[in-house]
N, C-alpha and C. Protein backbone atom coordinates (compact mmCIF):
# COMPACT_ATOMS: atom_id res chain seq x y z
N MET A 1 46.61 -4.25 -51.44
CA MET A 1 45.10 -4.56 -52.16
C MET A 1 43.85 -2.79 -51.92
N GLY A 2 44.76 -2.49 -51.45
CA GLY A 2 43.60 -1.10 -51.13
C GLY A 2 42.50 -1.28 -49.87
N TYR A 3 42.02 -2.59 -49.12
CA TYR A 3 40.72 -3.18 -48.47
C TYR A 3 42.05 -3.46 -47.19
N PRO A 4 41.27 -2.34 -45.66
CA PRO A 4 42.24 -2.60 -44.93
C PRO A 4 41.32 -4.72 -44.51
N LEU A 5 42.22 -5.19 -44.09
CA LEU A 5 41.90 -6.15 -43.91
C LEU A 5 41.90 -6.81 -42.07
N LYS A 6 40.45 -8.06 -41.92
CA LYS A 6 39.53 -8.40 -40.99
C LYS A 6 40.75 -9.43 -40.37
N ILE A 7 41.88 -9.64 -40.19
CA ILE A 7 42.90 -10.51 -40.06
C ILE A 7 41.77 -12.21 -38.64
N ALA A 8 41.52 -11.01 -37.92
CA ALA A 8 40.76 -11.63 -36.60
C ALA A 8 39.70 -12.57 -36.77
N ASP A 9 38.85 -12.19 -37.81
CA ASP A 9 37.45 -13.12 -38.55
C ASP A 9 38.24 -13.57 -39.59
N LEU A 10 39.77 -13.74 -40.61
CA LEU A 10 39.51 -15.18 -41.13
C LEU A 10 40.35 -15.70 -40.39
N LEU A 11 40.69 -15.92 -39.20
CA LEU A 11 42.26 -16.47 -38.79
C LEU A 11 40.57 -17.46 -38.15
N ALA A 12 39.63 -16.94 -37.35
CA ALA A 12 38.49 -17.78 -36.99
C ALA A 12 37.46 -18.86 -37.37
N LEU A 13 37.96 -19.06 -39.40
CA LEU A 13 37.83 -19.67 -39.74
C LEU A 13 38.30 -21.45 -40.08
N LEU A 14 39.69 -20.88 -39.86
CA LEU A 14 40.66 -22.08 -39.81
C LEU A 14 40.29 -23.47 -38.68
N PRO A 15 40.39 -23.77 -38.73
CA PRO A 15 40.75 -25.05 -37.73
C PRO A 15 41.69 -24.81 -36.81
N GLY A 16 41.42 -25.23 -35.63
CA GLY A 16 42.68 -25.66 -34.76
C GLY A 16 43.23 -24.38 -33.59
N VAL A 17 41.76 -23.27 -34.67
CA VAL A 17 41.57 -21.99 -33.43
C VAL A 17 41.00 -22.12 -32.64
N ALA A 18 41.09 -21.60 -31.47
CA ALA A 18 40.15 -21.83 -30.31
C ALA A 18 39.57 -21.03 -29.99
N TYR A 19 40.10 -19.35 -29.88
CA TYR A 19 40.06 -18.29 -29.60
C TYR A 19 40.49 -17.47 -30.12
N VAL A 20 39.51 -16.22 -30.50
CA VAL A 20 39.84 -15.07 -31.60
C VAL A 20 38.87 -13.76 -31.12
N THR A 21 39.86 -13.03 -31.01
CA THR A 21 38.50 -11.92 -30.24
C THR A 21 39.38 -10.75 -30.39
N ARG A 22 38.77 -8.70 -30.75
CA ARG A 22 39.26 -8.35 -31.29
C ARG A 22 38.60 -7.12 -30.02
N GLN A 23 39.31 -6.86 -29.58
CA GLN A 23 39.66 -5.24 -28.22
C GLN A 23 39.75 -3.91 -29.15
N ALA A 24 39.26 -3.42 -28.12
CA ALA A 24 40.15 -1.34 -28.68
C ALA A 24 40.83 -1.41 -26.67
N VAL A 25 41.57 -0.48 -27.04
CA VAL A 25 41.54 0.30 -26.06
C VAL A 25 42.54 1.87 -25.98
N HIS A 26 40.80 2.34 -26.67
CA HIS A 26 41.28 3.61 -26.25
C HIS A 26 40.18 4.34 -25.34
N THR A 27 39.52 3.24 -24.37
CA THR A 27 38.89 4.18 -22.93
C THR A 27 39.36 3.06 -21.67
N VAL A 28 39.39 3.55 -20.41
CA VAL A 28 39.58 2.36 -19.33
C VAL A 28 38.91 1.14 -19.62
N ALA A 29 37.36 1.22 -19.51
CA ALA A 29 36.33 0.03 -19.83
C ALA A 29 36.99 -1.30 -20.90
N ASN A 30 37.74 -0.30 -21.83
CA ASN A 30 37.67 -0.94 -22.64
C ASN A 30 39.03 -1.83 -23.01
N VAL A 31 39.96 -1.34 -22.14
CA VAL A 31 41.71 -1.51 -21.84
C VAL A 31 41.00 -2.97 -20.28
N ARG A 32 39.75 -2.67 -20.13
CA ARG A 32 39.97 -3.72 -18.96
C ARG A 32 39.11 -4.84 -19.57
N LYS A 33 38.29 -5.49 -20.72
CA LYS A 33 38.48 -5.96 -21.71
C LYS A 33 39.27 -6.64 -22.08
N ALA A 34 40.06 -5.10 -22.51
CA ALA A 34 41.48 -6.34 -23.62
C ALA A 34 42.33 -7.18 -22.53
N LYS A 35 42.48 -6.64 -21.20
CA LYS A 35 42.62 -7.37 -19.88
C LYS A 35 42.38 -8.60 -19.76
N LYS A 36 41.17 -8.60 -19.42
CA LYS A 36 40.17 -10.03 -19.48
C LYS A 36 40.42 -10.96 -20.55
N ALA A 37 40.29 -10.29 -22.19
CA ALA A 37 40.35 -11.07 -23.29
C ALA A 37 41.85 -11.75 -23.76
N MET A 38 42.94 -11.19 -22.50
CA MET A 38 44.32 -12.00 -22.55
C MET A 38 44.82 -12.92 -21.53
N LYS A 39 44.02 -12.19 -20.56
CA LYS A 39 43.78 -13.65 -19.41
C LYS A 39 43.59 -14.75 -20.37
N ASN A 40 41.68 -14.44 -20.75
CA ASN A 40 41.70 -15.94 -21.13
C ASN A 40 41.84 -16.30 -22.90
N ALA A 41 43.13 -15.80 -23.35
CA ALA A 41 43.24 -16.86 -24.47
C ALA A 41 44.81 -17.31 -23.33
N PHE A 42 45.46 -17.14 -22.28
CA PHE A 42 46.29 -17.42 -21.78
C PHE A 42 46.37 -18.57 -21.47
N GLU A 43 44.91 -18.64 -20.63
CA GLU A 43 43.90 -19.74 -19.81
C GLU A 43 43.99 -20.98 -20.64
N TYR A 44 43.28 -20.93 -22.14
CA TYR A 44 43.14 -21.52 -23.17
C TYR A 44 44.03 -22.40 -23.40
N GLN A 45 45.27 -21.25 -24.02
CA GLN A 45 46.37 -21.79 -24.10
C GLN A 45 47.46 -22.86 -23.94
N LYS A 46 46.69 -22.64 -22.41
CA LYS A 46 47.30 -23.56 -20.81
C LYS A 46 46.78 -25.13 -20.91
N LYS A 47 45.23 -24.79 -21.14
CA LYS A 47 44.41 -25.97 -21.42
C LYS A 47 44.40 -26.82 -22.85
N GLU A 48 45.54 -26.13 -23.34
CA GLU A 48 45.66 -26.78 -25.24
C GLU A 48 44.56 -26.61 -25.86
N LEU A 49 44.10 -25.69 -25.70
CA LEU A 49 42.43 -26.44 -26.93
C LEU A 49 42.99 -25.88 -28.06
N GLY A 50 43.84 -25.28 -27.92
CA GLY A 50 43.64 -24.29 -29.56
C GLY A 50 44.80 -23.23 -29.96
N PHE A 51 45.00 -23.06 -31.40
CA PHE A 51 45.19 -21.30 -31.21
C PHE A 51 44.66 -20.42 -31.01
N CYS A 52 45.16 -19.16 -30.47
CA CYS A 52 44.56 -18.09 -29.51
C CYS A 52 45.23 -16.79 -30.59
N LEU A 53 44.09 -15.60 -30.33
CA LEU A 53 44.69 -14.31 -30.79
C LEU A 53 43.54 -13.43 -30.76
N ILE A 54 44.50 -12.06 -29.99
CA ILE A 54 43.63 -10.70 -29.95
C ILE A 54 43.97 -9.43 -30.85
N GLU A 55 43.19 -9.22 -31.47
CA GLU A 55 43.77 -8.25 -31.81
C GLU A 55 42.91 -6.84 -31.47
N ILE A 56 43.88 -6.39 -31.36
CA ILE A 56 43.40 -4.98 -30.52
C ILE A 56 43.70 -3.72 -31.86
N VAL A 57 42.74 -3.26 -31.15
CA VAL A 57 41.95 -1.95 -31.97
C VAL A 57 43.19 -0.05 -31.29
N THR A 58 43.58 -0.23 -31.54
CA THR A 58 44.05 1.38 -30.69
C THR A 58 44.40 2.22 -31.34
N ASN A 59 45.19 3.39 -31.49
CA ASN A 59 44.86 4.84 -31.98
C ASN A 59 46.97 4.83 -32.19
N CYS A 60 47.33 5.88 -33.02
CA CYS A 60 48.47 6.30 -33.42
C CYS A 60 48.76 7.57 -33.74
N PRO A 61 48.73 8.71 -32.79
CA PRO A 61 48.44 10.26 -32.76
C PRO A 61 49.11 10.54 -33.61
N SER A 62 50.85 9.83 -32.93
CA SER A 62 51.42 10.86 -33.74
C SER A 62 51.73 10.51 -35.43
N ASN A 63 51.26 9.33 -35.83
CA ASN A 63 51.52 8.83 -37.28
C ASN A 63 50.32 9.35 -38.24
N TRP A 64 49.15 9.60 -37.61
CA TRP A 64 48.39 10.21 -38.14
C TRP A 64 47.84 11.70 -37.87
N LYS A 65 49.15 12.62 -37.94
CA LYS A 65 49.08 14.04 -37.22
C LYS A 65 47.85 14.64 -36.46
N MET A 66 47.35 13.96 -35.33
CA MET A 66 46.00 14.04 -34.48
C MET A 66 46.62 14.67 -32.85
N GLU A 67 46.14 15.56 -32.24
CA GLU A 67 45.96 15.05 -31.27
C GLU A 67 45.25 13.76 -30.63
N PRO A 68 45.79 13.47 -28.98
CA PRO A 68 45.59 12.05 -28.43
C PRO A 68 43.66 12.51 -28.61
N LEU A 69 42.91 12.99 -28.12
CA LEU A 69 41.87 12.70 -27.80
C LEU A 69 40.97 12.93 -29.29
N GLU A 70 41.89 13.42 -29.35
CA GLU A 70 40.79 13.41 -31.30
C GLU A 70 41.08 12.24 -32.00
N SER A 71 42.60 11.34 -31.67
CA SER A 71 42.45 10.45 -32.24
C SER A 71 41.79 9.18 -31.95
N ASN A 72 41.47 9.02 -30.10
CA ASN A 72 40.85 8.79 -29.47
C ASN A 72 39.12 8.67 -30.17
N LYS A 73 38.95 9.25 -30.70
CA LYS A 73 37.49 9.97 -31.30
C LYS A 73 37.34 9.54 -32.86
N PHE A 74 38.26 9.43 -33.04
CA PHE A 74 38.28 8.50 -33.93
C PHE A 74 38.25 7.08 -34.30
N VAL A 75 39.07 6.94 -33.90
CA VAL A 75 38.74 5.35 -33.12
C VAL A 75 37.19 4.69 -32.90
N ALA A 76 37.09 5.44 -32.08
CA ALA A 76 35.05 4.98 -31.66
C ALA A 76 34.35 5.58 -33.01
N ASP A 77 34.47 6.64 -33.23
CA ASP A 77 33.61 6.80 -34.69
C ASP A 77 33.47 5.63 -36.31
N LYS A 78 35.57 6.21 -36.56
CA LYS A 78 35.65 5.19 -37.43
C LYS A 78 36.04 3.83 -37.90
N MET A 79 36.25 3.69 -37.19
CA MET A 79 37.13 2.19 -36.42
C MET A 79 36.78 1.35 -35.83
N ILE A 80 35.82 1.28 -35.06
CA ILE A 80 35.13 0.70 -34.43
C ILE A 80 34.08 -0.11 -35.16
N PRO A 81 33.10 0.83 -35.80
CA PRO A 81 32.52 0.66 -36.75
C PRO A 81 32.92 -0.46 -37.66
N TYR A 82 34.26 -0.56 -37.90
CA TYR A 82 34.68 -1.28 -39.36
C TYR A 82 34.62 -2.54 -38.71
N TYR A 83 35.62 -2.50 -37.20
CA TYR A 83 36.31 -3.78 -37.06
C TYR A 83 35.19 -3.63 -35.52
N PRO A 84 34.42 -4.28 -35.12
CA PRO A 84 33.42 -4.22 -33.88
C PRO A 84 34.17 -5.39 -33.54
N LEU A 85 34.26 -4.33 -31.98
CA LEU A 85 34.57 -5.84 -31.23
C LEU A 85 33.73 -6.61 -30.30
N GLY A 86 35.10 -7.16 -29.47
CA GLY A 86 34.05 -8.59 -29.36
C GLY A 86 34.78 -9.68 -29.66
N ASP A 87 34.38 -10.96 -29.11
CA ASP A 87 34.58 -12.36 -29.24
C ASP A 87 33.84 -12.84 -30.30
N ILE A 88 35.02 -13.79 -31.33
CA ILE A 88 34.42 -13.67 -32.93
C ILE A 88 34.36 -15.42 -32.55
N LYS A 89 35.62 -15.83 -32.20
CA LYS A 89 35.11 -17.37 -31.84
C LYS A 89 35.97 -17.95 -30.56
N LYS A 90 35.31 -18.74 -30.30
CA LYS A 90 35.40 -18.54 -27.95
C LYS A 90 35.50 -20.52 -28.18
N PRO A 91 35.78 -20.64 -27.64
CA PRO A 91 35.81 -22.40 -27.25
C PRO A 91 34.68 -22.52 -26.59
N GLU A 92 34.44 -24.44 -27.52
CA GLU A 92 33.14 -24.91 -27.60
C GLU A 92 32.77 -24.39 -25.75
N GLY A 93 31.43 -24.48 -25.52
CA GLY A 93 30.70 -24.61 -23.90
C GLY A 93 31.67 -23.77 -23.27
N LYS A 94 32.56 -22.48 -23.37
CA LYS A 94 33.63 -21.90 -22.99
C LYS A 94 32.47 -20.91 -22.70
């Protein structure tokens, strides 16, 4: 198709979806947020609130042919603006 799809945004629109979030793992702070999102998703699943999805934005320095620090900068500068981080859909009242 030629355009990157925002799968999390699309799935959040479907009925039966309780929790959708997009997180990144290019910094320590973001790894902590991603871990918290995973915990939330498991809790929502245990409560049978609906389908949960966590989309992780990450780098691939070997495939991108970049040094690791350079690929982290690419994530921060190019990917995060296109794929904004945070909760896209949460269960009602949570």
